[in-house]
Amino acid sequence: MMAILTWLGKRATGTMAAGVFLGLAVPDLAALAKPLLVPAIVVMLTMSLLRLEPAAIRRAAGSPLRILPAVALVLLVSPMLGYAAAEALDLEHGIATALVVWTASPPLISVPAIAVLLGLDGALALMVTTVAGLLVPVTLPPIVFALIGLELDISPTGLALRLALLLAGAGLAAVAIRRVVGAARLQRHAPAIDGAFLLIMLLFAVAVMDGVTRTAIAEPGRVAGLLALVFAASLGMQAIGWAVFRATGARNAATLALVAGNRNMALVLGAAPAAFEPDGFLFLAMLQFPIYLLPALLKPLYRRAGT
């Protein structure tokens, strides 16, 4: 089993690119995987923390000037850009809502681990992801309501508590595993850990693809247009992140570009699903394609920036 996980870990980005189509090819798997969505999120966060050295996290935490501008871009500037794009493209209300919510959401919890796989600064990605995740209950509801008139049916305090418990639980689990297993053994089996992380990501992707195959057959043109939109949104935010932080160094800018272009919209949809139209769920499913494909497609650029 370890050999299989190691093999997957060494081919992570290519396997991600191929695996994203599994949920489309075998749609019945989605219904079976759905109950595992929340556990998958917790496991991915724990594994992201496990792969990072404590010293690297302390160095990143000691540089707030590297973190706060990125958090401001993700939580404050980004939704304004999303709203402007929705207005310029004259998107229908459900898709416009989903786009603005996506641009106002915190980074994906899997971004730090993806950053490590790509040779970028995983500790920096983790700190931005963590700070943005803790602040999003304060920023997202008023911004989204002000821009598109959507009020999320959940208190900021309640959402903040859920996020804090999630982060604290994953952090404690990672510390316990590191102490029991030992840093040296974790380093030795790093490719196997990456392989296990990849399997959890694929499980999540399969679960959120429920119903997408059916919709694609019924409305191929609409699904293709939405797919183009999510790729443009992710690439656009990555390009903006790179341009804004280019002066801070190529590796730093590439890491923050990755953070800016990959958002945890599932967190918001999971907290207040009744506030969104069905288009929002389809938008979330389509987002898995840039999440899983772009690391493979952009890997040469990220690798060059990370060296």
C-alpha atoms as a PDB file:
ATOM      1  CA  MET A   1       0.000   0.000   0.000  1.00  0.00           C
ATOM      2  CA  MET A   2       2.821   2.392   0.890  1.00  0.00           C
ATOM      3  CA  ALA A   3       4.401   1.711  -2.486  1.00  0.00           C
ATOM      4  CA  ILE A   4       1.158   2.623  -4.275  1.00  0.00           C
ATOM      5  CA  LEU A   5       0.761   5.827  -2.249  1.00  0.00           C
ATOM      6  CA  THR A   6       4.383   6.745  -2.930  1.00  0.00           C
ATOM      7  CA  TRP A   7       3.886   6.177  -6.643  1.00  0.00           C
ATOM      8  CA  LEU A   8       0.808   8.433  -6.579  1.00  0.00           C
ATOM      9  CA  GLY A   9       2.577  11.092  -4.516  1.00  0.00           C
ATOM     10  CA  LYS A  10       5.421  11.340  -7.035  1.00  0.00           C
ATOM     11  CA  ARG A  11       2.884  11.800  -9.842  1.00  0.00           C
ATOM     12  CA  ALA A  12       0.438  13.955  -7.922  1.00  0.00           C
ATOM     13  CA  THR A  13      -0.353  16.700 -10.417  1.00  0.00           C
ATOM     14  CA  GLY A  14      -0.820  14.298 -13.335  1.00  0.00           C
ATOM     15  CA  THR A  15      -3.050  12.017 -11.273  1.00  0.00           C
ATOM     16  CA  MET A  16      -5.127  15.020 -10.158  1.00  0.00           C
ATOM     17  CA  ALA A  17      -5.643  16.003 -13.783  1.00  0.00           C
ATOM     18  CA  ALA A  18      -6.835  12.516 -14.744  1.00  0.00           C
ATOM     19  CA  GLY A  19      -8.852  11.866 -11.598  1.00  0.00           C
ATOM     20  CA  VAL A  20     -11.123  14.900 -11.912  1.00  0.00           C
ATOM     21  CA  PHE A  21     -13.038  13.094 -14.668  1.00  0.00           C
ATOM     22  CA  LEU A  22     -13.800  10.079 -12.484  1.00  0.00           C
ATOM     23  CA  GLY A  23     -16.953  11.620 -11.033  1.00  0.00           C
ATOM     24  CA  LEU A  24     -18.235  12.342 -14.537  1.00  0.00           C
ATOM     25  CA  ALA A  25     -17.420   8.890 -15.884  1.00  0.00           C
ATOM     26  CA  VAL A  26     -18.946   7.049 -12.906  1.00  0.00           C
ATOM     27  CA  PRO A  27     -21.727   9.358 -11.617  1.00  0.00           C
ATOM     28  CA  ASP A  28     -23.161   6.741  -9.232  1.00  0.00           C
ATOM     29  CA  LEU A  29     -20.045   7.064  -7.082  1.00  0.00           C
ATOM     30  CA  ALA A  30     -21.037  10.616  -6.125  1.00  0.00           C
ATOM     31  CA  ALA A  31     -24.044   9.505  -4.091  1.00  0.00           C
ATOM     32  CA  LEU A  32     -21.889   7.014  -2.200  1.00  0.00           C
ATOM     33  CA  ALA A  33     -19.163   9.582  -1.534  1.00  0.00           C
ATOM     34  CA  LYS A  34     -21.396  12.463  -0.402  1.00  0.00           C
ATOM     35  CA  PRO A  35     -21.478  11.515   3.322  1.00  0.00           C
ATOM     36  CA  LEU A  36     -17.663  11.648   3.317  1.00  0.00           C
ATOM     37  CA  LEU A  37     -17.417  15.295   2.238  1.00  0.00           C
ATOM     38  CA  VAL A  38     -16.946  16.812   5.713  1.00  0.00           C
ATOM     39  CA  PRO A  39     -14.526  14.105   6.932  1.00  0.00           C
ATOM     40  CA  ALA A  40     -12.552  14.586   3.709  1.00  0.00           C
ATOM     41  CA  ILE A  41     -12.208  18.320   4.420  1.00  0.00           C
ATOM     42  CA  VAL A  42     -10.931  17.625   7.951  1.00  0.00           C
ATOM     43  CA  VAL A  43      -8.451  15.000   6.743  1.00  0.00           C
ATOM     44  CA  MET A  44      -7.135  17.277   3.961  1.00  0.00           C
ATOM     45  CA  LEU A  45      -6.547  20.115   6.412  1.00  0.00           C
ATOM     46  CA  THR A  46      -4.805  17.807   8.880  1.00  0.00           C
ATOM     47  CA  MET A  47      -2.547  16.415   6.173  1.00  0.00           C
ATOM     48  CA  SER A  48      -1.766  19.922   4.931  1.00  0.00           C
ATOM     49  CA  LEU A  49      -0.589  20.850   8.428  1.00  0.00           C
ATOM     50  CA  LEU A  50       1.296  17.577   8.785  1.00  0.00           C
ATOM     51  CA  ARG A  51       3.408  18.183   5.684  1.00  0.00           C
ATOM     52  CA  LEU A  52       4.661  21.557   6.903  1.00  0.00           C
ATOM     53  CA  GLU A  53       7.625  21.979   9.230  1.00  0.00           C
ATOM     54  CA  PRO A  54       6.774  23.870  12.456  1.00  0.00           C
ATOM     55  CA  ALA A  55       9.834  26.102  11.969  1.00  0.00           C
ATOM     56  CA  ALA A  56       8.583  27.167   8.535  1.00  0.00           C
ATOM     57  CA  ILE A  57       5.168  28.010   9.991  1.00  0.00           C
ATOM     58  CA  ARG A  58       6.791  30.119  12.729  1.00  0.00           C
ATOM     59  CA  ARG A  59       8.838  32.007  10.138  1.00  0.00           C
ATOM     60  CA  ALA A  60       5.732  32.754   8.101  1.00  0.00           C
ATOM     61  CA  ALA A  61       3.764  33.848  11.185  1.00  0.00           C
ATOM     62  CA  GLY A  62       6.572  36.223  12.076  1.00  0.00           C
ATOM     63  CA  SER A  63       6.160  38.135   8.809  1.00  0.00           C
ATOM     64  CA  PRO A  64       2.705  39.774   8.961  1.00  0.00           C
ATOM     65  CA  LEU A  65       3.594  42.186   6.165  1.00  0.00           C
ATOM     66  CA  ARG A  66       3.779  39.182   3.810  1.00  0.00           C
ATOM     67  CA  ILE A  67       0.408  37.842   4.967  1.00  0.00           C
ATOM     68  CA  LEU A  68      -1.988  40.749   5.541  1.00  0.00           C
ATOM     69  CA  PRO A  69      -1.791  42.276   2.017  1.00  0.00           C
ATOM     70  CA  ALA A  70      -2.589  38.847   0.552  1.00  0.00           C
ATOM     71  CA  VAL A  71      -5.534  38.423   2.934  1.00  0.00           C
ATOM     72  CA  ALA A  72      -6.818  41.862   1.934  1.00  0.00           C
ATOM     73  CA  LEU A  73      -6.604  40.934  -1.743  1.00  0.00           C
ATOM     74  CA  VAL A  74      -8.481  37.677  -1.182  1.00  0.00           C
ATOM     75  CA  LEU A  75     -11.248  38.919   1.126  1.00  0.00           C
ATOM     76  CA  LEU A  76     -11.733  42.591   0.221  1.00  0.00           C
ATOM     77  CA  VAL A  77     -10.455  43.410  -3.269  1.00  0.00           C
ATOM     78  CA  SER A  78     -11.346  40.122  -4.932  1.00  0.00           C
ATOM     79  CA  PRO A  79     -15.155  40.280  -4.419  1.00  0.00           C
ATOM     80  CA  MET A  80     -15.206  43.781  -5.906  1.00  0.00           C
ATOM     81  CA  LEU A  81     -13.449  42.406  -8.980  1.00  0.00           C
ATOM     82  CA  GLY A  82     -15.873  39.476  -9.099  1.00  0.00           C
ATOM     83  CA  TYR A  83     -18.866  41.802  -8.981  1.00  0.00           C
ATOM     84  CA  ALA A  84     -17.381  44.021 -11.706  1.00  0.00           C
ATOM     85  CA  ALA A  85     -16.814  40.966 -13.918  1.00  0.00           C
ATOM     86  CA  ALA A  86     -20.364  39.683 -13.344  1.00  0.00           C
ATOM     87  CA  GLU A  87     -21.789  43.084 -14.303  1.00  0.00           C
ATOM     88  CA  ALA A  88     -19.548  43.428 -17.368  1.00  0.00           C
ATOM     89  CA  LEU A  89     -20.483  39.947 -18.610  1.00  0.00           C
ATOM     90  CA  ASP A  90     -24.174  40.462 -17.739  1.00  0.00           C
ATOM     91  CA  LEU A  91     -24.328  37.057 -16.069  1.00  0.00           C
ATOM     92  CA  GLU A  92     -27.660  35.617 -14.993  1.00  0.00           C
ATOM     93  CA  HIS A  93     -28.404  36.100 -11.327  1.00  0.00           C
ATOM     94  CA  GLY A  94     -27.585  32.602 -10.076  1.00  0.00           C
ATOM     95  CA  ILE A  95     -24.186  32.517 -11.814  1.00  0.00           C
ATOM     96  CA  ALA A  96     -23.384  36.108 -10.823  1.00  0.00           C
ATOM     97  CA  THR A  97     -24.158  35.254  -7.207  1.00  0.00           C
ATOM     98  CA  ALA A  98     -21.918  32.196  -7.330  1.00  0.00           C
ATOM     99  CA  LEU A  99     -19.047  34.161  -8.888  1.00  0.00           C
ATOM    100  CA  VAL A 100     -19.208  36.910  -6.259  1.00  0.00           C
ATOM    101  CA  VAL A 101     -19.435  34.375  -3.419  1.00  0.00           C
ATOM    102  CA  TRP A 102     -16.440  32.497  -4.843  1.00  0.00           C
ATOM    103  CA  THR A 103     -14.341  35.667  -5.036  1.00  0.00           C
ATOM    104  CA  ALA A 104     -15.300  36.528  -1.429  1.00  0.00           C
ATOM    105  CA  SER A 105     -14.449  33.060  -0.075  1.00  0.00           C
ATOM    106  CA  PRO A 106     -11.214  32.104   1.750  1.00  0.00           C
ATOM    107  CA  PRO A 107      -8.558  29.962   0.037  1.00  0.00           C
ATOM    108  CA  LEU A 108      -9.005  26.215  -0.271  1.00  0.00           C
ATOM    109  CA  ILE A 109      -7.729  24.286   2.727  1.00  0.00           C
ATOM    110  CA  SER A 110      -5.831  22.055   0.307  1.00  0.00           C
ATOM    111  CA  VAL A 111      -3.832  24.975  -1.157  1.00  0.00           C
ATOM    112  CA  PRO A 112      -0.909  24.658   1.324  1.00  0.00           C
ATOM    113  CA  ALA A 113      -0.436  20.994   0.408  1.00  0.00           C
ATOM    114  CA  ILE A 114      -0.741  21.775  -3.314  1.00  0.00           C
ATOM    115  CA  ALA A 115       1.853  24.529  -2.847  1.00  0.00           C
ATOM    116  CA  VAL A 116       4.243  21.990  -1.302  1.00  0.00           C
ATOM    117  CA  LEU A 117       3.659  19.586  -4.197  1.00  0.00           C
ATOM    118  CA  LEU A 118       4.520  22.367  -6.646  1.00  0.00           C
ATOM    119  CA  GLY A 119       7.666  23.427  -4.794  1.00  0.00           C
ATOM    120  CA  LEU A 120       6.182  26.709  -3.551  1.00  0.00           C
ATOM    121  CA  ASP A 121       6.029  28.213  -0.041  1.00  0.00           C
ATOM    122  CA  GLY A 122       3.565  25.959   1.761  1.00  0.00           C
ATOM    123  CA  ALA A 123       3.998  27.765   5.099  1.00  0.00           C
ATOM    124  CA  LEU A 124       3.082  31.127   3.556  1.00  0.00           C
ATOM    125  CA  ALA A 125       0.065  29.565   1.818  1.00  0.00           C
ATOM    126  CA  LEU A 126      -1.018  28.030   5.122  1.00  0.00           C
ATOM    127  CA  MET A 127      -0.799  31.301   7.041  1.00  0.00           C
ATOM    128  CA  VAL A 128      -2.797  33.238   4.438  1.00  0.00           C
ATOM    129  CA  THR A 129      -5.369  30.450   4.279  1.00  0.00           C
ATOM    130  CA  THR A 130      -5.681  30.316   8.065  1.00  0.00           C
ATOM    131  CA  VAL A 131      -5.982  34.074   8.635  1.00  0.00           C
ATOM    132  CA  ALA A 132      -8.437  34.485   5.762  1.00  0.00           C
ATOM    133  CA  GLY A 133     -10.503  31.561   7.054  1.00  0.00           C
ATOM    134  CA  LEU A 134     -10.780  33.142  10.489  1.00  0.00           C
ATOM    135  CA  LEU A 135     -11.690  36.585   9.123  1.00  0.00           C
ATOM    136  CA  VAL A 136     -14.160  35.533   6.420  1.00  0.00           C
ATOM    137  CA  PRO A 137     -17.197  35.433   8.768  1.00  0.00           C
ATOM    138  CA  VAL A 138     -16.673  39.155   9.336  1.00  0.00           C
ATOM    139  CA  THR A 139     -15.985  40.110   5.723  1.00  0.00           C
ATOM    140  CA  LEU A 140     -18.101  37.874   3.504  1.00  0.00           C
ATOM    141  CA  PRO A 141     -21.705  38.382   4.718  1.00  0.00           C
ATOM    142  CA  PRO A 142     -21.765  42.201   4.561  1.00  0.00           C
ATOM    143  CA  ILE A 143     -19.759  42.381   1.332  1.00  0.00           C
ATOM    144  CA  VAL A 144     -21.908  39.834  -0.497  1.00  0.00           C
ATOM    145  CA  PHE A 145     -25.126  41.438   0.774  1.00  0.00           C
ATOM    146  CA  ALA A 146     -23.952  44.899  -0.258  1.00  0.00           C
ATOM    147  CA  LEU A 147     -22.890  43.791  -3.741  1.00  0.00           C
ATOM    148  CA  ILE A 148     -25.708  41.449  -4.784  1.00  0.00           C
ATOM    149  CA  GLY A 149     -28.335  41.705  -2.066  1.00  0.00           C
ATOM    150  CA  LEU A 150     -27.773  38.174  -0.749  1.00  0.00           C
ATOM    151  CA  GLU A 151     -27.955  37.722   3.007  1.00  0.00           C
ATOM    152  CA  LEU A 152     -26.439  34.524   4.335  1.00  0.00           C
ATOM    153  CA  ASP A 153     -28.626  32.817   6.913  1.00  0.00           C
ATOM    154  CA  ILE A 154     -25.873  32.175   9.457  1.00  0.00           C
ATOM    155  CA  SER A 155     -24.350  34.345  12.181  1.00  0.00           C
ATOM    156  CA  PRO A 156     -20.747  35.470  11.742  1.00  0.00           C
ATOM    157  CA  THR A 157     -20.015  34.224  15.267  1.00  0.00           C
ATOM    158  CA  GLY A 158     -21.377  30.783  14.478  1.00  0.00           C
ATOM    159  CA  LEU A 159     -19.356  30.488  11.283  1.00  0.00           C
ATOM    160  CA  ALA A 160     -16.204  31.769  13.011  1.00  0.00           C
ATOM    161  CA  LEU A 161     -16.645  29.171  15.755  1.00  0.00           C
ATOM    162  CA  ARG A 162     -17.019  26.367  13.212  1.00  0.00           C
ATOM    163  CA  LEU A 163     -13.877  27.487  11.409  1.00  0.00           C
ATOM    164  CA  ALA A 164     -11.904  27.837  14.638  1.00  0.00           C
ATOM    165  CA  LEU A 165     -12.935  24.367  15.806  1.00  0.00           C
ATOM    166  CA  LEU A 166     -12.044  22.874  12.436  1.00  0.00           C
ATOM    167  CA  LEU A 167      -8.607  24.492  12.395  1.00  0.00           C
ATOM    168  CA  ALA A 168      -7.900  23.708  16.051  1.00  0.00           C
ATOM    169  CA  GLY A 169      -8.971  20.081  15.696  1.00  0.00           C
ATOM    170  CA  ALA A 170      -6.871  19.547  12.579  1.00  0.00           C
ATOM    171  CA  GLY A 171      -3.908  21.317  14.171  1.00  0.00           C
ATOM    172  CA  LEU A 172      -4.045  19.178  17.318  1.00  0.00           C
ATOM    173  CA  ALA A 173      -4.348  16.016  15.222  1.00  0.00           C
ATOM    174  CA  ALA A 174      -1.314  17.021  13.133  1.00  0.00           C
ATOM    175  CA  VAL A 175       0.756  17.760  16.261  1.00  0.00           C
ATOM    176  CA  ALA A 176      -0.221  14.424  17.813  1.00  0.00           C
ATOM    177  CA  ILE A 177       0.659  12.485  14.659  1.00  0.00           C
ATOM    178  CA  ARG A 178       3.982  14.299  14.319  1.00  0.00           C
ATOM    179  CA  ARG A 179       4.926  13.473  17.920  1.00  0.00           C
ATOM    180  CA  VAL A 180       3.896   9.829  17.680  1.00  0.00           C
ATOM    181  CA  VAL A 181       5.377   9.122  14.252  1.00  0.00           C
ATOM    182  CA  GLY A 182       8.383  11.433  14.447  1.00  0.00           C
ATOM    183  CA  ALA A 183       9.594  14.147  12.063  1.00  0.00           C
ATOM    184  CA  ALA A 184      12.245  11.930  10.467  1.00  0.00           C
ATOM    185  CA  ARG A 185       9.787   9.190   9.561  1.00  0.00           C
ATOM    186  CA  LEU A 186       7.299  11.724   8.199  1.00  0.00           C
ATOM    187  CA  GLN A 187      10.013  13.204   5.990  1.00  0.00           C
ATOM    188  CA  ARG A 188      11.016   9.741   4.787  1.00  0.00           C
ATOM    189  CA  HIS A 189       7.446   8.885   3.821  1.00  0.00           C
ATOM    190  CA  ALA A 190       6.550  12.320   2.409  1.00  0.00           C
ATOM    191  CA  PRO A 191       5.656  10.959  -1.082  1.00  0.00           C
ATOM    192  CA  ALA A 192       3.293   8.400   0.487  1.00  0.00           C
ATOM    193  CA  ILE A 193       1.613  11.143   2.525  1.00  0.00           C
ATOM    194  CA  ASP A 194       1.211  13.186  -0.661  1.00  0.00           C
ATOM    195  CA  GLY A 195      -0.334  10.142  -2.322  1.00  0.00           C
ATOM    196  CA  ALA A 196      -2.836   9.690   0.506  1.00  0.00           C
ATOM    197  CA  PHE A 197      -3.693  13.390   0.345  1.00  0.00           C
ATOM    198  CA  LEU A 198      -4.313  13.023  -3.369  1.00  0.00           C
ATOM    199  CA  LEU A 199      -6.743  10.156  -2.798  1.00  0.00           C
ATOM    200  CA  ILE A 200      -8.750  12.299  -0.361  1.00  0.00           C
ATOM    201  CA  MET A 201      -8.858  15.148  -2.893  1.00  0.00           C
ATOM    202  CA  LEU A 202     -10.163  12.762  -5.538  1.00  0.00           C
ATOM    203  CA  LEU A 203     -12.827  11.514  -3.131  1.00  0.00           C
ATOM    204  CA  PHE A 204     -14.003  15.086  -2.598  1.00  0.00           C
ATOM    205  CA  ALA A 205     -14.068  15.741  -6.346  1.00  0.00           C
ATOM    206  CA  VAL A 206     -16.203  12.662  -6.987  1.00  0.00           C
ATOM    207  CA  ALA A 207     -18.683  13.663  -4.269  1.00  0.00           C
ATOM    208  CA  VAL A 208     -19.325  17.165  -5.627  1.00  0.00           C
ATOM    209  CA  MET A 209     -19.838  15.902  -9.191  1.00  0.00           C
ATOM    210  CA  ASP A 210     -23.264  14.461  -8.357  1.00  0.00           C
ATOM    211  CA  GLY A 211     -25.676  15.383 -11.147  1.00  0.00           C
ATOM    212  CA  VAL A 212     -23.108  17.119 -13.380  1.00  0.00           C
ATOM    213  CA  THR A 213     -23.045  14.366 -16.007  1.00  0.00           C
ATOM    214  CA  ARG A 214     -26.808  14.517 -16.306  1.00  0.00           C
ATOM    215  CA  THR A 215     -26.768  18.313 -16.682  1.00  0.00           C
ATOM    216  CA  ALA A 216     -23.956  18.209 -19.230  1.00  0.00           C
ATOM    217  CA  ILE A 217     -25.940  15.833 -21.421  1.00  0.00           C
ATOM    218  CA  ALA A 218     -29.091  17.935 -21.155  1.00  0.00           C
ATOM    219  CA  GLU A 219     -27.427  21.375 -21.554  1.00  0.00           C
ATOM    220  CA  PRO A 220     -23.961  20.937 -23.086  1.00  0.00           C
ATOM    221  CA  GLY A 221     -23.634  24.536 -24.281  1.00  0.00           C
ATOM    222  CA  ARG A 222     -24.484  26.005 -20.901  1.00  0.00           C
ATOM    223  CA  VAL A 223     -22.100  23.691 -19.055  1.00  0.00           C
ATOM    224  CA  ALA A 224     -19.311  24.488 -21.519  1.00  0.00           C
ATOM    225  CA  GLY A 225     -19.850  28.212 -20.995  1.00  0.00           C
ATOM    226  CA  LEU A 226     -19.773  27.798 -17.237  1.00  0.00           C
ATOM    227  CA  LEU A 227     -16.610  25.730 -17.495  1.00  0.00           C
ATOM    228  CA  ALA A 228     -14.963  28.525 -19.479  1.00  0.00           C
ATOM    229  CA  LEU A 229     -16.064  31.037 -16.834  1.00  0.00           C
ATOM    230  CA  VAL A 230     -14.543  29.150 -13.882  1.00  0.00           C
ATOM    231  CA  PHE A 231     -11.243  28.664 -15.719  1.00  0.00           C
ATOM    232  CA  ALA A 232     -11.154  32.364 -16.581  1.00  0.00           C
ATOM    233  CA  ALA A 233     -11.953  33.291 -12.969  1.00  0.00           C
ATOM    234  CA  SER A 234      -9.205  31.100 -11.511  1.00  0.00           C
ATOM    235  CA  LEU A 235      -6.584  32.120 -14.078  1.00  0.00           C
ATOM    236  CA  GLY A 236      -7.593  35.769 -13.797  1.00  0.00           C
ATOM    237  CA  MET A 237      -7.215  35.833 -10.009  1.00  0.00           C
ATOM    238  CA  GLN A 238      -3.897  33.998 -10.257  1.00  0.00           C
ATOM    239  CA  ALA A 239      -2.652  36.542 -12.787  1.00  0.00           C
ATOM    240  CA  ILE A 240      -3.745  39.406 -10.517  1.00  0.00           C
ATOM    241  CA  GLY A 241      -2.083  37.789  -7.502  1.00  0.00           C
ATOM    242  CA  TRP A 242       1.146  37.346  -9.459  1.00  0.00           C
ATOM    243  CA  ALA A 243       1.110  40.945 -10.731  1.00  0.00           C
ATOM    244  CA  VAL A 244       0.336  42.458  -7.315  1.00  0.00           C
ATOM    245  CA  PHE A 245       3.074  40.551  -5.470  1.00  0.00           C
ATOM    246  CA  ARG A 246       5.685  40.199  -8.232  1.00  0.00           C
ATOM    247  CA  ALA A 247       7.961  42.756  -6.586  1.00  0.00           C
ATOM    248  CA  THR A 248       8.224  40.550  -3.462  1.00  0.00           C
ATOM    249  CA  GLY A 249       9.970  37.749  -5.358  1.00  0.00           C
ATOM    250  CA  ALA A 250       8.957  35.066  -7.856  1.00  0.00           C
ATOM    251  CA  ARG A 251       8.388  32.253  -5.327  1.00  0.00           C
ATOM    252  CA  ASN A 252       6.374  34.492  -3.013  1.00  0.00           C
ATOM    253  CA  ALA A 253       4.295  35.843  -5.907  1.00  0.00           C
ATOM    254  CA  ALA A 254       3.636  32.380  -7.350  1.00  0.00           C
ATOM    255  CA  THR A 255       2.501  31.105  -3.946  1.00  0.00           C
ATOM    256  CA  LEU A 256       0.099  34.007  -3.442  1.00  0.00           C
ATOM    257  CA  ALA A 257      -1.155  33.645  -7.023  1.00  0.00           C
ATOM    258  CA  LEU A 258      -2.022  30.015  -6.275  1.00  0.00           C
ATOM    259  CA  VAL A 259      -3.818  31.125  -3.095  1.00  0.00           C
ATOM    260  CA  ALA A 260      -5.762  33.869  -4.894  1.00  0.00           C
ATOM    261  CA  GLY A 261      -6.997  31.569  -7.655  1.00  0.00           C
ATOM    262  CA  ASN A 262      -8.247  28.691  -5.482  1.00  0.00           C
ATOM    263  CA  ARG A 263     -11.133  29.464  -3.098  1.00  0.00           C
ATOM    264  CA  ASN A 264     -13.151  27.431  -0.601  1.00  0.00           C
ATOM    265  CA  MET A 265     -16.638  28.218  -1.887  1.00  0.00           C
ATOM    266  CA  ALA A 266     -17.802  24.858  -0.522  1.00  0.00           C
ATOM    267  CA  LEU A 267     -17.432  26.273   2.981  1.00  0.00           C
ATOM    268  CA  VAL A 268     -20.031  28.965   2.300  1.00  0.00           C
ATOM    269  CA  LEU A 269     -22.393  26.700   0.412  1.00  0.00           C
ATOM    270  CA  GLY A 270     -22.177  24.116   3.158  1.00  0.00           C
ATOM    271  CA  ALA A 271     -22.940  26.701   5.831  1.00  0.00           C
ATOM    272  CA  ALA A 272     -25.928  28.287   4.069  1.00  0.00           C
ATOM    273  CA  PRO A 273     -27.116  26.133   1.139  1.00  0.00           C
ATOM    274  CA  ALA A 274     -30.638  27.602   1.184  1.00  0.00           C
ATOM    275  CA  ALA A 275     -29.243  31.025   0.288  1.00  0.00           C
ATOM    276  CA  PHE A 276     -28.080  29.865  -3.158  1.00  0.00           C
ATOM    277  CA  GLU A 277     -29.834  28.986  -6.363  1.00  0.00           C
ATOM    278  CA  PRO A 278     -29.158  25.590  -8.023  1.00  0.00           C
ATOM    279  CA  ASP A 279     -26.682  27.321 -10.333  1.00  0.00           C
ATOM    280  CA  GLY A 280     -24.414  27.840  -7.337  1.00  0.00           C
ATOM    281  CA  PHE A 281     -24.014  24.115  -6.822  1.00  0.00           C
ATOM    282  CA  LEU A 282     -23.275  23.584 -10.512  1.00  0.00           C
ATOM    283  CA  PHE A 283     -20.710  26.393 -10.336  1.00  0.00           C
ATOM    284  CA  LEU A 284     -19.032  24.626  -7.390  1.00  0.00           C
ATOM    285  CA  ALA A 285     -18.853  21.372  -9.338  1.00  0.00           C
ATOM    286  CA  MET A 286     -17.312  23.109 -12.368  1.00  0.00           C
ATOM    287  CA  LEU A 287     -14.715  24.723 -10.104  1.00  0.00           C
ATOM    288  CA  GLN A 288     -13.175  21.301  -9.500  1.00  0.00           C
ATOM    289  CA  PHE A 289     -11.805  21.307 -13.051  1.00  0.00           C
ATOM    290  CA  PRO A 290      -9.451  24.295 -12.656  1.00  0.00           C
ATOM    291  CA  ILE A 291      -8.594  23.142  -9.123  1.00  0.00           C
ATOM    292  CA  TYR A 292      -7.508  19.710 -10.338  1.00  0.00           C
ATOM    293  CA  LEU A 293      -6.247  20.529 -13.846  1.00  0.00           C
ATOM    294  CA  LEU A 294      -4.396  23.833 -13.510  1.00  0.00           C
ATOM    295  CA  PRO A 295      -1.667  22.540 -11.145  1.00  0.00           C
ATOM    296  CA  ALA A 296      -0.663  20.064 -13.861  1.00  0.00           C
ATOM    297  CA  LEU A 297      -0.988  22.572 -16.702  1.00  0.00           C
ATOM    298  CA  LEU A 298       0.885  25.339 -14.873  1.00  0.00           C
ATOM    299  CA  LYS A 299       3.393  23.095 -13.106  1.00  0.00           C
ATOM    300  CA  PRO A 300       6.396  24.214 -15.250  1.00  0.00           C
ATOM    301  CA  LEU A 301       5.667  27.855 -14.426  1.00  0.00           C
ATOM    302  CA  TYR A 302       5.265  27.173 -10.726  1.00  0.00           C
ATOM    303  CA  ARG A 303       8.394  25.013 -10.614  1.00  0.00           C
ATOM    304  CA  ARG A 304      10.406  27.776 -12.304  1.00  0.00           C
ATOM    305  CA  ALA A 305       9.106  30.336  -9.808  1.00  0.00           C
ATOM    306  CA  GLY A 306       9.805  28.038  -6.863  1.00  0.00           C
ATOM    307  CA  THR A 307      13.498  27.605  -7.621  1.00  0.00           C
END
